[in-house]
């Protein structure tokens, strides 16, 4: 488990990448694109501070709610949330709990989450 201060390190990125892919394999939903999960982060971190890397990643990665594009990666979002409990000391929620937590903090986005994630969560048995 990594603390928030350790998230800018290569060991954290690699552990998260492994946990993400292992979670997808265990859920029997692994896709080829998952090999490239968060791939830009260690490279950007070579010359940018972590805060800028994190902001860039969240606005450009389809599996984050801050994504500025139109088509979210709902499956990737679920796998990312589900695996976070294995690598982040402060992440204690599973994917369904994380989705439900948005009901109070982001009610408009929660409706979109519920509509798109509920069928996938049910299919995966989560």
C-alpha atoms as a PDB file:
ATOM      1  CA  UNK A   1       0.000   0.000   0.000  1.00  0.00           C
ATOM      2  CA  UNK A   2       1.279   3.405  -0.967  1.00  0.00           C
ATOM      3  CA  UNK A   3       0.684   6.711   0.779  1.00  0.00           C
ATOM      4  CA  UNK A   4      -0.441   9.792  -1.198  1.00  0.00           C
ATOM      5  CA  UNK A   5       3.136  11.105  -1.071  1.00  0.00           C
ATOM      6  CA  UNK A   6       4.431   7.923  -2.740  1.00  0.00           C
ATOM      7  CA  UNK A   7       2.029   8.075  -5.699  1.00  0.00           C
ATOM      8  CA  UNK A   8       4.430  10.096  -7.798  1.00  0.00           C
ATOM      9  CA  UNK A   9       7.011   7.300  -7.817  1.00  0.00           C
ATOM     10  CA  UNK A  10       7.774   4.667 -10.412  1.00  0.00           C
ATOM     11  CA  UNK A  11       7.293   1.805  -7.887  1.00  0.00           C
ATOM     12  CA  UNK A  12       3.747   3.045  -7.208  1.00  0.00           C
ATOM     13  CA  UNK A  13       2.932   3.380 -10.905  1.00  0.00           C
ATOM     14  CA  UNK A  14       4.218  -0.128 -11.610  1.00  0.00           C
ATOM     15  CA  UNK A  15       2.349  -1.643  -8.643  1.00  0.00           C
ATOM     16  CA  UNK A  16      -0.848   0.107  -9.744  1.00  0.00           C
ATOM     17  CA  UNK A  17      -0.365  -1.029 -13.354  1.00  0.00           C
ATOM     18  CA  UNK A  18       0.096  -4.631 -12.166  1.00  0.00           C
ATOM     19  CA  UNK A  19      -2.915  -4.418  -9.826  1.00  0.00           C
ATOM     20  CA  UNK A  20      -5.061  -2.912 -12.594  1.00  0.00           C
ATOM     21  CA  UNK A  21      -4.233  -5.680 -15.057  1.00  0.00           C
ATOM     22  CA  UNK A  22      -4.505  -8.435 -12.416  1.00  0.00           C
ATOM     23  CA  UNK A  23      -7.897  -7.114 -11.326  1.00  0.00           C
ATOM     24  CA  UNK A  24      -9.107  -7.092 -14.935  1.00  0.00           C
ATOM     25  CA  UNK A  25      -7.837 -10.655 -15.396  1.00  0.00           C
ATOM     26  CA  UNK A  26      -9.527 -11.816 -12.187  1.00  0.00           C
ATOM     27  CA  UNK A  27     -12.791 -10.169 -13.253  1.00  0.00           C
ATOM     28  CA  UNK A  28     -12.436 -11.854 -16.668  1.00  0.00           C
ATOM     29  CA  UNK A  29     -12.780  -8.524 -18.463  1.00  0.00           C
ATOM     30  CA  UNK A  30      -9.176  -7.893 -19.525  1.00  0.00           C
ATOM     31  CA  UNK A  31      -8.673  -5.993 -22.786  1.00  0.00           C
ATOM     32  CA  UNK A  32      -5.501  -5.396 -24.821  1.00  0.00           C
ATOM     33  CA  UNK A  33      -5.790  -1.645 -24.177  1.00  0.00           C
ATOM     34  CA  UNK A  34      -5.262  -2.277 -20.452  1.00  0.00           C
ATOM     35  CA  UNK A  35      -1.566  -2.894 -21.171  1.00  0.00           C
ATOM     36  CA  UNK A  36      -1.324   0.864 -21.751  1.00  0.00           C
ATOM     37  CA  UNK A  37      -3.118   1.905 -18.543  1.00  0.00           C
ATOM     38  CA  UNK A  38      -1.590   5.150 -17.163  1.00  0.00           C
ATOM     39  CA  UNK A  39       1.398   4.587 -19.462  1.00  0.00           C
ATOM     40  CA  UNK A  40       2.155   8.287 -19.906  1.00  0.00           C
ATOM     41  CA  UNK A  41       2.524   8.997 -16.185  1.00  0.00           C
ATOM     42  CA  UNK A  42       6.091   7.758 -15.548  1.00  0.00           C
ATOM     43  CA  UNK A  43       7.330   9.461 -18.737  1.00  0.00           C
ATOM     44  CA  UNK A  44       5.694  12.786 -17.970  1.00  0.00           C
ATOM     45  CA  UNK A  45       6.960  12.568 -14.418  1.00  0.00           C
ATOM     46  CA  UNK A  46      10.533  12.689 -15.732  1.00  0.00           C
ATOM     47  CA  UNK A  47      10.147  16.391 -16.472  1.00  0.00           C
ATOM     48  CA  UNK A  48       6.912  17.590 -14.837  1.00  0.00           C
ATOM     49  CA  UNK A  49       5.846  17.844 -11.194  1.00  0.00           C
ATOM     50  CA  UNK A  50       3.366  15.175 -10.105  1.00  0.00           C
ATOM     51  CA  UNK A  51       0.496  17.652  -9.692  1.00  0.00           C
ATOM     52  CA  UNK A  52       0.714  18.612 -13.385  1.00  0.00           C
ATOM     53  CA  UNK A  53       1.039  14.989 -14.457  1.00  0.00           C
ATOM     54  CA  UNK A  54      -2.012  14.059 -12.374  1.00  0.00           C
ATOM     55  CA  UNK A  55      -4.103  16.928 -13.759  1.00  0.00           C
ATOM     56  CA  UNK A  56      -3.092  16.137 -17.353  1.00  0.00           C
ATOM     57  CA  UNK A  57      -3.813  12.444 -16.838  1.00  0.00           C
ATOM     58  CA  UNK A  58      -7.249  12.973 -15.342  1.00  0.00           C
ATOM     59  CA  UNK A  59      -8.383  15.307 -18.117  1.00  0.00           C
ATOM     60  CA  UNK A  60      -7.003  13.098 -20.920  1.00  0.00           C
ATOM     61  CA  UNK A  61      -7.635   9.540 -19.665  1.00  0.00           C
ATOM     62  CA  UNK A  62     -11.046   8.124 -20.556  1.00  0.00           C
ATOM     63  CA  UNK A  63     -11.294   6.221 -17.260  1.00  0.00           C
ATOM     64  CA  UNK A  64     -11.470   9.395 -15.096  1.00  0.00           C
ATOM     65  CA  UNK A  65     -14.548  11.500 -14.394  1.00  0.00           C
ATOM     66  CA  UNK A  66     -12.557  14.655 -15.216  1.00  0.00           C
ATOM     67  CA  UNK A  67     -12.019  13.429 -18.797  1.00  0.00           C
ATOM     68  CA  UNK A  68     -12.779  16.220 -21.259  1.00  0.00           C
ATOM     69  CA  UNK A  69     -13.785  13.990 -24.165  1.00  0.00           C
ATOM     70  CA  UNK A  70     -17.158  12.472 -24.972  1.00  0.00           C
ATOM     71  CA  UNK A  71     -16.638   8.731 -24.663  1.00  0.00           C
ATOM     72  CA  UNK A  72     -15.702   7.440 -21.226  1.00  0.00           C
ATOM     73  CA  UNK A  73     -14.042   4.086 -20.666  1.00  0.00           C
ATOM     74  CA  UNK A  74     -16.602   2.775 -18.183  1.00  0.00           C
ATOM     75  CA  UNK A  75     -14.981  -0.638 -17.841  1.00  0.00           C
ATOM     76  CA  UNK A  76     -11.563   0.936 -17.268  1.00  0.00           C
ATOM     77  CA  UNK A  77     -13.084   3.211 -14.631  1.00  0.00           C
ATOM     78  CA  UNK A  78     -14.526   0.230 -12.767  1.00  0.00           C
ATOM     79  CA  UNK A  79     -11.273  -1.729 -12.906  1.00  0.00           C
ATOM     80  CA  UNK A  80      -9.309   1.351 -11.790  1.00  0.00           C
ATOM     81  CA  UNK A  81     -11.605   1.891  -8.801  1.00  0.00           C
ATOM     82  CA  UNK A  82     -11.676  -1.798  -7.933  1.00  0.00           C
ATOM     83  CA  UNK A  83      -7.881  -2.159  -7.968  1.00  0.00           C
ATOM     84  CA  UNK A  84      -7.143   1.048  -6.049  1.00  0.00           C
ATOM     85  CA  UNK A  85      -7.835  -0.674  -2.737  1.00  0.00           C
ATOM     86  CA  UNK A  86      -4.766  -2.847  -3.390  1.00  0.00           C
ATOM     87  CA  UNK A  87      -2.290  -0.036  -4.018  1.00  0.00           C
ATOM     88  CA  UNK A  88      -3.570   3.080  -2.240  1.00  0.00           C
ATOM     89  CA  UNK A  89      -3.564   3.193   1.549  1.00  0.00           C
ATOM     90  CA  UNK A  90      -6.390   5.751   1.581  1.00  0.00           C
ATOM     91  CA  UNK A  91      -8.600   3.962  -0.980  1.00  0.00           C
ATOM     92  CA  UNK A  92     -10.867   1.739   1.061  1.00  0.00           C
ATOM     93  CA  UNK A  93     -13.864   1.571  -1.287  1.00  0.00           C
ATOM     94  CA  UNK A  94     -14.545  -0.936  -4.025  1.00  0.00           C
ATOM     95  CA  UNK A  95     -15.935   0.152  -7.404  1.00  0.00           C
ATOM     96  CA  UNK A  96     -19.616   0.027  -6.416  1.00  0.00           C
ATOM     97  CA  UNK A  97     -18.975   1.960  -3.197  1.00  0.00           C
ATOM     98  CA  UNK A  98     -16.948   4.545  -5.117  1.00  0.00           C
ATOM     99  CA  UNK A  99     -19.786   5.002  -7.614  1.00  0.00           C
ATOM    100  CA  UNK A 100     -22.311   5.432  -4.797  1.00  0.00           C
ATOM    101  CA  UNK A 101     -20.055   8.001  -3.076  1.00  0.00           C
ATOM    102  CA  UNK A 102     -20.583  10.306  -6.063  1.00  0.00           C
ATOM    103  CA  UNK A 103     -24.312  10.475  -5.314  1.00  0.00           C
ATOM    104  CA  UNK A 104     -23.772  13.118  -2.627  1.00  0.00           C
ATOM    105  CA  UNK A 105     -20.727  14.921  -4.029  1.00  0.00           C
ATOM    106  CA  UNK A 106     -21.567  15.005  -7.775  1.00  0.00           C
ATOM    107  CA  UNK A 107     -25.310  14.224  -8.185  1.00  0.00           C
ATOM    108  CA  UNK A 108     -25.474  15.143 -11.891  1.00  0.00           C
ATOM    109  CA  UNK A 109     -22.491  12.988 -12.803  1.00  0.00           C
ATOM    110  CA  UNK A 110     -23.784  10.220 -10.505  1.00  0.00           C
ATOM    111  CA  UNK A 111     -26.824   9.774 -12.770  1.00  0.00           C
ATOM    112  CA  UNK A 112     -24.514   9.243 -15.739  1.00  0.00           C
ATOM    113  CA  UNK A 113     -22.319   6.874 -13.693  1.00  0.00           C
ATOM    114  CA  UNK A 114     -25.279   4.832 -12.460  1.00  0.00           C
ATOM    115  CA  UNK A 115     -26.744   4.526 -15.948  1.00  0.00           C
ATOM    116  CA  UNK A 116     -23.464   3.344 -17.486  1.00  0.00           C
ATOM    117  CA  UNK A 117     -21.738   1.486 -14.643  1.00  0.00           C
ATOM    118  CA  UNK A 118     -24.609  -0.424 -13.046  1.00  0.00           C
ATOM    119  CA  UNK A 119     -24.988  -2.953 -15.918  1.00  0.00           C
ATOM    120  CA  UNK A 120     -21.227  -3.537 -16.046  1.00  0.00           C
ATOM    121  CA  UNK A 121     -20.926  -3.903 -12.259  1.00  0.00           C
ATOM    122  CA  UNK A 122     -23.781  -6.414 -12.303  1.00  0.00           C
ATOM    123  CA  UNK A 123     -22.248  -8.355 -15.198  1.00  0.00           C
ATOM    124  CA  UNK A 124     -18.910  -8.531 -13.356  1.00  0.00           C
ATOM    125  CA  UNK A 125     -20.609  -9.639 -10.139  1.00  0.00           C
ATOM    126  CA  UNK A 126     -19.505  -6.545  -8.191  1.00  0.00           C
END
